[in-house]
Amino acid sequence: MSTRGAVLSAAAAALFGELEHAGVVVPRREALAEHRATVRAGFTPWVEAAVAAFDGAIESETIAEVDCRVLTPAGWDAGRDACVLYAFGGGFVSGSTFEDQIVAAPLAQSAGARVVMPEYRLSPEHPYPLPQRDMHAVYPALLDRHDAARLAVAGESAGGNQALGLLQHARDHDLVLPACAILISPWCDLANRGDSHDFNDGRDPTLDNAWVDRAAEWHAGGTPRDDPGVSPLYADMAGLPATLITSGSRDLLLSQCLRLAAKLRAAGVDCDLRVHDGLWHVFEFYPIPEAAVSIGEAANFIRAHCVA
């Protein structure tokens, strides 16, 4: 990283070098199981650390016939505290609720909120719209249990796509919307358009155009990649709840975040966009001080919008 670049914490600067050295591995269909296992193994030490630091219960529950991982901080009160429906990331082709405990556990702790993470199906085995249907099934079940004023929807990367698409689906099907949304580096345009797909390809140490193009092809299947169901950036934003978007100046998807924020604001949605200098796609997933700050800000956003 250039000496005239961003001022990062020592941990972030060191990790950036490690990630840059490791490079981005584009998944291959014939080795997809191996790719998923490698991703899981790589994040396991950080998952274990996040779980060890979490003061509360982590349980499995089937909600609306979808397996979910539920994190409940100690002292949580269903009649008083928030519940967050959280969608994991991984480009729709990898990842799981196991890995996303890295973000979900500190978010639950800091927000004092229960976090429900559906184990939605993955592509290419289950392309659009099957992963979306899993999220669509869980949300009404949570509405039956919780006041919408204490519900939030969140997700990172592909999970950000899921969260945004869920909000639009709920609005279009006359369901009560949650109090707020948290979108962490949301992958909201699977057509992969925007300036950052040029200037951050090779600068983001965790993601490149070859990776997102492969994943988009697998997830969209026969549906056009700019279809609003596949890419919720192209759908109507009117009536959506207050939304926090986070990204980094090296995020391959930065332009998508900027375009989404502009479209939300144009539709009259209260949108808070926070771009962190020098950081990469979903930097919140990594053990650096900047991640803790961003997750803390997301927790404060939930506390401010989810009323008792």
C-alpha atoms as a PDB file:
ATOM      1  CA  MET A   1       0.000   0.000   0.000  1.00  0.00           C
ATOM      2  CA  SER A   2       1.329   3.443  -0.929  1.00  0.00           C
ATOM      3  CA  THR A   3       2.780   5.617   1.830  1.00  0.00           C
ATOM      4  CA  ARG A   4       0.427   8.350   0.585  1.00  0.00           C
ATOM      5  CA  GLY A   5      -2.548   6.032   0.966  1.00  0.00           C
ATOM      6  CA  ALA A   6      -5.037   5.652   3.800  1.00  0.00           C
ATOM      7  CA  VAL A   7      -3.926   5.671   7.417  1.00  0.00           C
ATOM      8  CA  LEU A   8      -4.924   2.238   8.715  1.00  0.00           C
ATOM      9  CA  SER A   9      -4.456   0.572  12.057  1.00  0.00           C
ATOM     10  CA  ALA A  10      -1.338  -1.590  12.285  1.00  0.00           C
ATOM     11  CA  ALA A  11      -3.537  -4.685  12.310  1.00  0.00           C
ATOM     12  CA  ALA A  12      -5.436  -3.609   9.175  1.00  0.00           C
ATOM     13  CA  ALA A  13      -2.228  -2.703   7.312  1.00  0.00           C
ATOM     14  CA  ALA A  14      -0.667  -6.067   8.167  1.00  0.00           C
ATOM     15  CA  LEU A  15      -3.785  -7.998   7.240  1.00  0.00           C
ATOM     16  CA  PHE A  16      -4.082  -6.105   3.966  1.00  0.00           C
ATOM     17  CA  GLY A  17      -0.609  -7.320   3.031  1.00  0.00           C
ATOM     18  CA  GLU A  18      -1.514 -10.915   3.909  1.00  0.00           C
ATOM     19  CA  LEU A  19      -4.737 -10.826   1.921  1.00  0.00           C
ATOM     20  CA  GLU A  20      -3.032  -9.195  -1.058  1.00  0.00           C
ATOM     21  CA  HIS A  21      -0.328 -11.877  -1.011  1.00  0.00           C
ATOM     22  CA  ALA A  22      -2.890 -14.702  -0.827  1.00  0.00           C
ATOM     23  CA  GLY A  23      -4.844 -13.365  -3.804  1.00  0.00           C
ATOM     24  CA  VAL A  24      -8.439 -14.009  -4.852  1.00  0.00           C
ATOM     25  CA  VAL A  25      -9.355 -17.598  -5.757  1.00  0.00           C
ATOM     26  CA  VAL A  26     -12.206 -17.817  -8.269  1.00  0.00           C
ATOM     27  CA  PRO A  27     -14.366 -20.878  -7.511  1.00  0.00           C
ATOM     28  CA  ARG A  28     -14.681 -23.637 -10.099  1.00  0.00           C
ATOM     29  CA  ARG A  29     -17.851 -25.702 -10.366  1.00  0.00           C
ATOM     30  CA  GLU A  30     -15.995 -29.007 -10.274  1.00  0.00           C
ATOM     31  CA  ALA A  31     -14.178 -27.959  -7.081  1.00  0.00           C
ATOM     32  CA  LEU A  32     -16.987 -26.033  -5.388  1.00  0.00           C
ATOM     33  CA  ALA A  33     -17.254 -28.317  -2.366  1.00  0.00           C
ATOM     34  CA  GLU A  34     -13.518 -27.954  -1.795  1.00  0.00           C
ATOM     35  CA  HIS A  35     -13.791 -24.155  -2.183  1.00  0.00           C
ATOM     36  CA  ARG A  36     -16.558 -23.971   0.427  1.00  0.00           C
ATOM     37  CA  ALA A  37     -14.614 -26.173   2.833  1.00  0.00           C
ATOM     38  CA  THR A  38     -11.502 -24.021   2.393  1.00  0.00           C
ATOM     39  CA  VAL A  39     -13.458 -20.833   3.081  1.00  0.00           C
ATOM     40  CA  ARG A  40     -14.980 -22.342   6.206  1.00  0.00           C
ATOM     41  CA  ALA A  41     -11.631 -23.626   7.484  1.00  0.00           C
ATOM     42  CA  GLY A  42      -9.946 -20.279   6.857  1.00  0.00           C
ATOM     43  CA  PHE A  43     -12.487 -18.365   8.918  1.00  0.00           C
ATOM     44  CA  THR A  44     -12.895 -20.970  11.691  1.00  0.00           C
ATOM     45  CA  PRO A  45     -10.315 -19.445  14.092  1.00  0.00           C
ATOM     46  CA  TRP A  46     -12.073 -16.068  13.892  1.00  0.00           C
ATOM     47  CA  VAL A  47     -15.465 -17.738  14.335  1.00  0.00           C
ATOM     48  CA  GLU A  48     -14.197 -19.493  17.432  1.00  0.00           C
ATOM     49  CA  ALA A  49     -12.876 -16.217  18.839  1.00  0.00           C
ATOM     50  CA  ALA A  50     -16.186 -14.430  18.160  1.00  0.00           C
ATOM     51  CA  VAL A  51     -18.196 -17.225  19.776  1.00  0.00           C
ATOM     52  CA  ALA A  52     -15.895 -17.345  22.799  1.00  0.00           C
ATOM     53  CA  ALA A  53     -16.337 -13.606  23.341  1.00  0.00           C
ATOM     54  CA  PHE A  54     -20.128 -13.777  23.002  1.00  0.00           C
ATOM     55  CA  ASP A  55     -22.085 -13.624  26.249  1.00  0.00           C
ATOM     56  CA  GLY A  56     -25.312 -15.386  25.417  1.00  0.00           C
ATOM     57  CA  ALA A  57     -26.866 -18.429  23.775  1.00  0.00           C
ATOM     58  CA  ILE A  58     -26.289 -19.739  20.247  1.00  0.00           C
ATOM     59  CA  GLU A  59     -28.959 -22.179  19.152  1.00  0.00           C
ATOM     60  CA  SER A  60     -30.332 -23.906  16.063  1.00  0.00           C
ATOM     61  CA  GLU A  61     -33.994 -23.427  15.237  1.00  0.00           C
ATOM     62  CA  THR A  62     -36.188 -24.245  12.270  1.00  0.00           C
ATOM     63  CA  ILE A  63     -38.344 -21.257  11.337  1.00  0.00           C
ATOM     64  CA  ALA A  64     -40.887 -21.579   8.499  1.00  0.00           C
ATOM     65  CA  GLU A  65     -39.127 -24.811   7.465  1.00  0.00           C
ATOM     66  CA  VAL A  66     -35.769 -23.011   7.120  1.00  0.00           C
ATOM     67  CA  ASP A  67     -32.864 -23.951   9.378  1.00  0.00           C
ATOM     68  CA  CYS A  68     -31.614 -20.913  11.283  1.00  0.00           C
ATOM     69  CA  ARG A  69     -28.800 -20.073  13.680  1.00  0.00           C
ATOM     70  CA  VAL A  70     -30.065 -17.835  16.486  1.00  0.00           C
ATOM     71  CA  LEU A  71     -27.784 -15.721  18.684  1.00  0.00           C
ATOM     72  CA  THR A  72     -29.392 -14.305  21.820  1.00  0.00           C
ATOM     73  CA  PRO A  73     -27.330 -12.073  24.122  1.00  0.00           C
ATOM     74  CA  ALA A  74     -27.647 -12.519  27.861  1.00  0.00           C
ATOM     75  CA  GLY A  75     -30.464 -10.441  29.304  1.00  0.00           C
ATOM     76  CA  TRP A  76     -32.324 -10.100  26.007  1.00  0.00           C
ATOM     77  CA  ASP A  77     -36.057  -9.430  26.496  1.00  0.00           C
ATOM     78  CA  ALA A  78     -38.470 -10.291  23.662  1.00  0.00           C
ATOM     79  CA  GLY A  79     -40.896  -7.616  24.822  1.00  0.00           C
ATOM     80  CA  ARG A  80     -38.283  -4.870  24.943  1.00  0.00           C
ATOM     81  CA  ASP A  81     -35.248  -5.568  22.746  1.00  0.00           C
ATOM     82  CA  ALA A  82     -34.604  -5.756  19.014  1.00  0.00           C
ATOM     83  CA  CYS A  83     -34.434  -8.774  16.731  1.00  0.00           C
ATOM     84  CA  VAL A  84     -32.280  -8.722  13.587  1.00  0.00           C
ATOM     85  CA  LEU A  85     -32.912 -10.955  10.582  1.00  0.00           C
ATOM     86  CA  TYR A  86     -29.385 -11.336   9.173  1.00  0.00           C
ATOM     87  CA  ALA A  87     -28.400 -12.795   5.779  1.00  0.00           C
ATOM     88  CA  PHE A  88     -24.883 -14.193   5.425  1.00  0.00           C
ATOM     89  CA  GLY A  89     -22.598 -13.382   2.501  1.00  0.00           C
ATOM     90  CA  GLY A  90     -20.467 -15.424   0.144  1.00  0.00           C
ATOM     91  CA  GLY A  91     -21.636 -14.482  -3.340  1.00  0.00           C
ATOM     92  CA  PHE A  92     -24.615 -16.864  -3.125  1.00  0.00           C
ATOM     93  CA  VAL A  93     -22.144 -19.694  -3.848  1.00  0.00           C
ATOM     94  CA  SER A  94     -20.313 -20.107  -0.539  1.00  0.00           C
ATOM     95  CA  GLY A  95     -20.546 -19.042   3.080  1.00  0.00           C
ATOM     96  CA  SER A  96     -22.992 -20.045   5.786  1.00  0.00           C
ATOM     97  CA  THR A  97     -24.368 -18.950   9.126  1.00  0.00           C
ATOM     98  CA  PHE A  98     -21.312 -20.578  10.732  1.00  0.00           C
ATOM     99  CA  GLU A  99     -18.817 -18.149   9.223  1.00  0.00           C
ATOM    100  CA  ASP A 100     -21.078 -15.148   9.742  1.00  0.00           C
ATOM    101  CA  GLN A 101     -20.951 -15.495  13.484  1.00  0.00           C
ATOM    102  CA  ILE A 102     -17.834 -13.339  13.063  1.00  0.00           C
ATOM    103  CA  VAL A 103     -20.136 -10.362  12.441  1.00  0.00           C
ATOM    104  CA  ALA A 104     -23.383 -11.570  14.003  1.00  0.00           C
ATOM    105  CA  ALA A 105     -21.989 -12.261  17.476  1.00  0.00           C
ATOM    106  CA  PRO A 106     -20.478  -8.812  18.122  1.00  0.00           C
ATOM    107  CA  LEU A 107     -23.480  -7.164  16.459  1.00  0.00           C
ATOM    108  CA  ALA A 108     -25.886  -9.032  18.737  1.00  0.00           C
ATOM    109  CA  GLN A 109     -23.779  -8.187  21.780  1.00  0.00           C
ATOM    110  CA  SER A 110     -23.355  -4.497  20.969  1.00  0.00           C
ATOM    111  CA  ALA A 111     -26.970  -3.945  19.903  1.00  0.00           C
ATOM    112  CA  GLY A 112     -28.436  -6.050  22.699  1.00  0.00           C
ATOM    113  CA  ALA A 113     -30.429  -7.757  19.950  1.00  0.00           C
ATOM    114  CA  ARG A 114     -31.298 -11.314  19.039  1.00  0.00           C
ATOM    115  CA  VAL A 115     -29.872 -12.185  15.610  1.00  0.00           C
ATOM    116  CA  VAL A 116     -31.610 -14.784  13.437  1.00  0.00           C
ATOM    117  CA  MET A 117     -29.572 -16.112  10.488  1.00  0.00           C
ATOM    118  CA  PRO A 118     -31.367 -18.324   7.953  1.00  0.00           C
ATOM    119  CA  GLU A 119     -29.297 -21.055   6.300  1.00  0.00           C
ATOM    120  CA  TYR A 120     -30.553 -20.131   2.867  1.00  0.00           C
ATOM    121  CA  ARG A 121     -29.780 -22.387  -0.083  1.00  0.00           C
ATOM    122  CA  LEU A 122     -26.738 -21.770  -2.282  1.00  0.00           C
ATOM    123  CA  SER A 123     -26.169 -21.540  -6.023  1.00  0.00           C
ATOM    124  CA  PRO A 124     -25.489 -22.997  -8.518  1.00  0.00           C
ATOM    125  CA  GLU A 125     -27.338 -25.979  -7.026  1.00  0.00           C
ATOM    126  CA  HIS A 126     -30.210 -23.680  -6.008  1.00  0.00           C
ATOM    127  CA  PRO A 127     -30.171 -20.583  -8.268  1.00  0.00           C
ATOM    128  CA  TYR A 128     -32.444 -17.557  -8.105  1.00  0.00           C
ATOM    129  CA  PRO A 129     -35.131 -17.358  -6.787  1.00  0.00           C
ATOM    130  CA  LEU A 130     -34.665 -20.265  -4.353  1.00  0.00           C
ATOM    131  CA  PRO A 131     -32.281 -18.534  -1.888  1.00  0.00           C
ATOM    132  CA  GLN A 132     -34.619 -15.529  -1.822  1.00  0.00           C
ATOM    133  CA  ARG A 133     -37.612 -17.731  -1.041  1.00  0.00           C
ATOM    134  CA  ASP A 134     -35.914 -18.952   2.125  1.00  0.00           C
ATOM    135  CA  MET A 135     -35.530 -15.394   3.386  1.00  0.00           C
ATOM    136  CA  HIS A 136     -39.081 -14.541   2.318  1.00  0.00           C
ATOM    137  CA  ALA A 137     -40.387 -17.453   4.384  1.00  0.00           C
ATOM    138  CA  VAL A 138     -38.599 -16.503   7.607  1.00  0.00           C
ATOM    139  CA  TYR A 139     -39.528 -12.812   7.710  1.00  0.00           C
ATOM    140  CA  PRO A 140     -43.328 -13.229   8.154  1.00  0.00           C
ATOM    141  CA  ALA A 141     -42.664 -15.803  10.877  1.00  0.00           C
ATOM    142  CA  LEU A 142     -40.596 -13.219  12.755  1.00  0.00           C
ATOM    143  CA  LEU A 143     -43.393 -10.673  12.319  1.00  0.00           C
ATOM    144  CA  ASP A 144     -45.658 -13.124  14.140  1.00  0.00           C
ATOM    145  CA  ARG A 145     -43.232 -13.121  17.079  1.00  0.00           C
ATOM    146  CA  HIS A 146     -41.966  -9.539  17.204  1.00  0.00           C
ATOM    147  CA  ASP A 147     -43.303  -6.022  16.837  1.00  0.00           C
ATOM    148  CA  ALA A 148     -42.026  -4.665  13.500  1.00  0.00           C
ATOM    149  CA  ALA A 149     -40.874  -1.548  15.362  1.00  0.00           C
ATOM    150  CA  ARG A 150     -38.243  -3.748  17.030  1.00  0.00           C
ATOM    151  CA  LEU A 151     -37.198  -5.630  13.888  1.00  0.00           C
ATOM    152  CA  ALA A 152     -34.178  -4.908  11.701  1.00  0.00           C
ATOM    153  CA  VAL A 153     -32.989  -6.611   8.511  1.00  0.00           C
ATOM    154  CA  ALA A 154     -29.281  -6.867   7.756  1.00  0.00           C
ATOM    155  CA  GLY A 155     -26.721  -8.641   5.629  1.00  0.00           C
ATOM    156  CA  GLU A 156     -23.325  -8.360   4.005  1.00  0.00           C
ATOM    157  CA  SER A 157     -22.366  -8.711   0.336  1.00  0.00           C
ATOM    158  CA  ALA A 158     -24.788 -11.285  -1.148  1.00  0.00           C
ATOM    159  CA  GLY A 159     -26.570 -11.076   2.188  1.00  0.00           C
ATOM    160  CA  GLY A 160     -26.972  -7.353   1.587  1.00  0.00           C
ATOM    161  CA  ASN A 161     -28.643  -8.254  -1.705  1.00  0.00           C
ATOM    162  CA  GLN A 162     -30.921 -10.611   0.212  1.00  0.00           C
ATOM    163  CA  ALA A 163     -31.759  -7.979   2.837  1.00  0.00           C
ATOM    164  CA  LEU A 164     -32.565  -5.277   0.277  1.00  0.00           C
ATOM    165  CA  GLY A 165     -34.594  -7.653  -1.873  1.00  0.00           C
ATOM    166  CA  LEU A 166     -36.507  -8.831   1.191  1.00  0.00           C
ATOM    167  CA  LEU A 167     -37.496  -5.258   2.045  1.00  0.00           C
ATOM    168  CA  GLN A 168     -38.833  -4.760  -1.478  1.00  0.00           C
ATOM    169  CA  HIS A 169     -40.658  -8.101  -1.383  1.00  0.00           C
ATOM    170  CA  ALA A 170     -42.256  -7.279   1.981  1.00  0.00           C
ATOM    171  CA  ARG A 171     -43.391  -3.871   0.742  1.00  0.00           C
ATOM    172  CA  ASP A 172     -44.809  -5.313  -2.472  1.00  0.00           C
ATOM    173  CA  HIS A 173     -46.703  -8.023  -0.550  1.00  0.00           C
ATOM    174  CA  ASP A 174     -48.201  -5.633   2.012  1.00  0.00           C
ATOM    175  CA  LEU A 175     -46.134  -6.923   4.926  1.00  0.00           C
ATOM    176  CA  VAL A 176     -45.183  -4.524   7.693  1.00  0.00           C
ATOM    177  CA  LEU A 177     -41.620  -3.312   7.123  1.00  0.00           C
ATOM    178  CA  PRO A 178     -38.921  -3.474   9.799  1.00  0.00           C
ATOM    179  CA  ALA A 179     -37.675  -0.400  11.615  1.00  0.00           C
ATOM    180  CA  CYS A 180     -34.338  -0.269   9.781  1.00  0.00           C
ATOM    181  CA  ALA A 181     -31.818  -2.057   7.594  1.00  0.00           C
ATOM    182  CA  ILE A 182     -28.041  -2.563   7.738  1.00  0.00           C
ATOM    183  CA  LEU A 183     -26.349  -3.285   4.394  1.00  0.00           C
ATOM    184  CA  ILE A 184     -22.639  -4.105   4.603  1.00  0.00           C
ATOM    185  CA  SER A 185     -20.938  -3.816   1.181  1.00  0.00           C
ATOM    186  CA  PRO A 186     -24.180  -4.962  -0.472  1.00  0.00           C
ATOM    187  CA  TRP A 187     -23.859  -6.808  -3.779  1.00  0.00           C
ATOM    188  CA  CYS A 188     -27.028  -5.247  -5.172  1.00  0.00           C
ATOM    189  CA  ASP A 189     -26.153  -5.272  -8.898  1.00  0.00           C
ATOM    190  CA  LEU A 190     -25.191  -8.685 -10.270  1.00  0.00           C
ATOM    191  CA  ALA A 191     -24.602  -7.053 -13.660  1.00  0.00           C
ATOM    192  CA  ASN A 192     -21.488  -5.748 -11.867  1.00  0.00           C
ATOM    193  CA  ARG A 193     -21.620  -2.234 -13.273  1.00  0.00           C
ATOM    194  CA  GLY A 194     -19.919   0.834 -11.889  1.00  0.00           C
ATOM    195  CA  ASP A 195     -16.595   2.661 -11.886  1.00  0.00           C
ATOM    196  CA  SER A 196     -15.179   0.758  -8.912  1.00  0.00           C
ATOM    197  CA  HIS A 197     -15.331  -2.437 -10.974  1.00  0.00           C
ATOM    198  CA  ASP A 198     -12.532  -0.822 -12.958  1.00  0.00           C
ATOM    199  CA  PHE A 199     -10.498   1.153 -10.421  1.00  0.00           C
ATOM    200  CA  ASN A 200     -10.784  -1.345  -7.534  1.00  0.00           C
ATOM    201  CA  ASP A 201     -10.278  -4.516  -9.561  1.00  0.00           C
ATOM    202  CA  GLY A 202      -6.869  -5.561  -8.252  1.00  0.00           C
ATOM    203  CA  ARG A 203      -6.979  -3.052  -5.359  1.00  0.00           C
ATOM    204  CA  ASP A 204      -9.544  -4.953  -3.297  1.00  0.00           C
ATOM    205  CA  PRO A 205      -7.550  -7.852  -1.811  1.00  0.00           C
ATOM    206  CA  THR A 206     -10.621 -10.039  -1.249  1.00  0.00           C
ATOM    207  CA  LEU A 207     -12.702  -9.756  -4.418  1.00  0.00           C
ATOM    208  CA  ASP A 208     -12.231  -9.236  -8.154  1.00  0.00           C
ATOM    209  CA  ASN A 209     -14.366  -9.044 -11.274  1.00  0.00           C
ATOM    210  CA  ALA A 210     -13.643 -12.624 -12.312  1.00  0.00           C
ATOM    211  CA  TRP A 211     -15.024 -13.826  -8.951  1.00  0.00           C
ATOM    212  CA  VAL A 212     -18.214 -11.762  -8.976  1.00  0.00           C
ATOM    213  CA  ASP A 213     -18.909 -12.494 -12.653  1.00  0.00           C
ATOM    214  CA  ARG A 214     -18.625 -16.248 -12.038  1.00  0.00           C
ATOM    215  CA  ALA A 215     -20.849 -16.103  -8.951  1.00  0.00           C
ATOM    216  CA  ALA A 216     -23.413 -13.877 -10.708  1.00  0.00           C
ATOM    217  CA  GLU A 217     -23.638 -16.303 -13.622  1.00  0.00           C
ATOM    218  CA  TRP A 218     -24.231 -19.236 -11.281  1.00  0.00           C
ATOM    219  CA  HIS A 219     -26.805 -17.472  -9.126  1.00  0.00           C
ATOM    220  CA  ALA A 220     -28.823 -15.775 -11.867  1.00  0.00           C
ATOM    221  CA  GLY A 221     -29.084 -18.925 -13.957  1.00  0.00           C
ATOM    222  CA  GLY A 222     -31.366 -18.120 -16.880  1.00  0.00           C
ATOM    223  CA  THR A 223     -32.595 -14.828 -15.413  1.00  0.00           C
ATOM    224  CA  PRO A 224     -31.032 -11.598 -16.728  1.00  0.00           C
ATOM    225  CA  ARG A 225     -28.489 -10.315 -14.242  1.00  0.00           C
ATOM    226  CA  ASP A 226     -30.078  -6.861 -14.164  1.00  0.00           C
ATOM    227  CA  ASP A 227     -33.542  -8.249 -13.379  1.00  0.00           C
ATOM    228  CA  PRO A 228     -34.770  -6.437 -10.213  1.00  0.00           C
ATOM    229  CA  GLY A 229     -35.294  -9.768  -8.450  1.00  0.00           C
ATOM    230  CA  VAL A 230     -31.671 -10.758  -9.012  1.00  0.00           C
ATOM    231  CA  SER A 231     -30.299  -7.231  -8.624  1.00  0.00           C
ATOM    232  CA  PRO A 232     -32.476  -5.182  -6.247  1.00  0.00           C
ATOM    233  CA  LEU A 233     -30.610  -2.003  -7.187  1.00  0.00           C
ATOM    234  CA  TYR A 234     -32.906  -1.893 -10.237  1.00  0.00           C
ATOM    235  CA  ALA A 235     -36.120  -2.132  -8.203  1.00  0.00           C
ATOM    236  CA  ASP A 236     -38.210   0.664  -6.707  1.00  0.00           C
ATOM    237  CA  MET A 237     -36.879   1.994  -3.383  1.00  0.00           C
ATOM    238  CA  ALA A 238     -39.946   3.949  -2.294  1.00  0.00           C
ATOM    239  CA  GLY A 239     -41.202   3.335   1.213  1.00  0.00           C
ATOM    240  CA  LEU A 240     -38.172   1.426   2.506  1.00  0.00           C
ATOM    241  CA  PRO A 241     -37.034   1.959   6.109  1.00  0.00           C
ATOM    242  CA  ALA A 242     -33.997   3.892   7.343  1.00  0.00           C
ATOM    243  CA  THR A 243     -30.885   2.226   5.964  1.00  0.00           C
ATOM    244  CA  LEU A 244     -27.206   2.181   6.912  1.00  0.00           C
ATOM    245  CA  ILE A 245     -24.768   1.218   4.135  1.00  0.00           C
ATOM    246  CA  THR A 246     -21.081   0.571   4.814  1.00  0.00           C
ATOM    247  CA  SER A 247     -18.248   0.157   2.327  1.00  0.00           C
ATOM    248  CA  GLY A 248     -14.555   0.926   1.887  1.00  0.00           C
ATOM    249  CA  SER A 249     -12.617   2.983  -0.615  1.00  0.00           C
ATOM    250  CA  ARG A 250     -10.994  -0.240  -1.925  1.00  0.00           C
ATOM    251  CA  ASP A 251     -14.273  -2.185  -2.032  1.00  0.00           C
ATOM    252  CA  LEU A 252     -14.824  -3.650  -5.490  1.00  0.00           C
ATOM    253  CA  LEU A 253     -18.535  -2.944  -4.949  1.00  0.00           C
ATOM    254  CA  LEU A 254     -18.095   0.673  -3.801  1.00  0.00           C
ATOM    255  CA  SER A 255     -19.883   2.050  -6.867  1.00  0.00           C
ATOM    256  CA  GLN A 256     -22.838  -0.232  -6.198  1.00  0.00           C
ATOM    257  CA  CYS A 257     -23.042   1.164  -2.652  1.00  0.00           C
ATOM    258  CA  LEU A 258     -22.867   4.742  -3.940  1.00  0.00           C
ATOM    259  CA  ARG A 259     -25.535   4.140  -6.570  1.00  0.00           C
ATOM    260  CA  LEU A 260     -27.782   2.439  -4.041  1.00  0.00           C
ATOM    261  CA  ALA A 261     -27.440   5.278  -1.542  1.00  0.00           C
ATOM    262  CA  ALA A 262     -28.278   7.831  -4.237  1.00  0.00           C
ATOM    263  CA  LYS A 263     -31.323   5.868  -5.354  1.00  0.00           C
ATOM    264  CA  LEU A 264     -32.578   5.395  -1.797  1.00  0.00           C
ATOM    265  CA  ARG A 265     -32.222   9.113  -1.058  1.00  0.00           C
ATOM    266  CA  ALA A 266     -33.943  10.045  -4.316  1.00  0.00           C
ATOM    267  CA  ALA A 267     -36.876   7.894  -3.197  1.00  0.00           C
ATOM    268  CA  GLY A 268     -37.049   9.740   0.124  1.00  0.00           C
ATOM    269  CA  VAL A 269     -35.462   6.994   2.219  1.00  0.00           C
ATOM    270  CA  ASP A 270     -33.312   8.015   5.198  1.00  0.00           C
ATOM    271  CA  CYS A 271     -29.948   6.581   4.119  1.00  0.00           C
ATOM    272  CA  ASP A 272     -26.650   6.809   6.010  1.00  0.00           C
ATOM    273  CA  LEU A 273     -23.693   5.852   3.783  1.00  0.00           C
ATOM    274  CA  ARG A 274     -20.321   5.336   5.461  1.00  0.00           C
ATOM    275  CA  VAL A 275     -17.251   4.730   3.272  1.00  0.00           C
ATOM    276  CA  HIS A 276     -14.120   3.824   5.231  1.00  0.00           C
ATOM    277  CA  ASP A 277     -10.853   5.010   3.723  1.00  0.00           C
ATOM    278  CA  GLY A 278      -8.402   2.329   2.624  1.00  0.00           C
ATOM    279  CA  LEU A 279     -10.624  -0.602   3.525  1.00  0.00           C
ATOM    280  CA  TRP A 280     -11.915  -3.408   1.367  1.00  0.00           C
ATOM    281  CA  HIS A 281     -15.044  -5.476   0.729  1.00  0.00           C
ATOM    282  CA  VAL A 282     -16.769  -6.435   3.999  1.00  0.00           C
ATOM    283  CA  PHE A 283     -13.769  -5.426   6.101  1.00  0.00           C
ATOM    284  CA  GLU A 284     -16.075  -5.975   9.098  1.00  0.00           C
ATOM    285  CA  PHE A 285     -15.356  -9.691   8.711  1.00  0.00           C
ATOM    286  CA  TYR A 286     -11.734  -9.324   9.801  1.00  0.00           C
ATOM    287  CA  PRO A 287     -10.065  -8.961  13.240  1.00  0.00           C
ATOM    288  CA  ILE A 288      -9.099  -5.303  12.912  1.00  0.00           C
ATOM    289  CA  PRO A 289     -10.087  -2.277  15.025  1.00  0.00           C
ATOM    290  CA  GLU A 290     -11.878  -0.679  12.093  1.00  0.00           C
ATOM    291  CA  ALA A 291     -14.257  -3.656  11.950  1.00  0.00           C
ATOM    292  CA  ALA A 292     -15.183  -3.274  15.610  1.00  0.00           C
ATOM    293  CA  VAL A 293     -15.890   0.428  15.060  1.00  0.00           C
ATOM    294  CA  SER A 294     -18.137  -0.247  12.060  1.00  0.00           C
ATOM    295  CA  ILE A 295     -20.052  -3.029  13.802  1.00  0.00           C
ATOM    296  CA  GLY A 296     -20.476  -0.748  16.793  1.00  0.00           C
ATOM    297  CA  GLU A 297     -21.921   1.950  14.533  1.00  0.00           C
ATOM    298  CA  ALA A 298     -24.333  -0.588  13.053  1.00  0.00           C
ATOM    299  CA  ALA A 299     -25.384  -1.584  16.566  1.00  0.00           C
ATOM    300  CA  ASN A 300     -26.001   2.066  17.448  1.00  0.00           C
ATOM    301  CA  PHE A 301     -28.107   2.434  14.297  1.00  0.00           C
ATOM    302  CA  ILE A 302     -30.250  -0.507  15.378  1.00  0.00           C
ATOM    303  CA  ARG A 303     -30.602   0.869  18.912  1.00  0.00           C
ATOM    304  CA  ALA A 304     -31.626   4.275  17.545  1.00  0.00           C
ATOM    305  CA  HIS A 305     -34.318   2.928  15.231  1.00  0.00           C
ATOM    306  CA  CYS A 306     -35.723  -0.135  17.004  1.00  0.00           C
ATOM    307  CA  VAL A 307     -37.885   1.351  19.743  1.00  0.00           C
ATOM    308  CA  ALA A 308     -39.122  -0.448  22.836  1.00  0.00           C
END
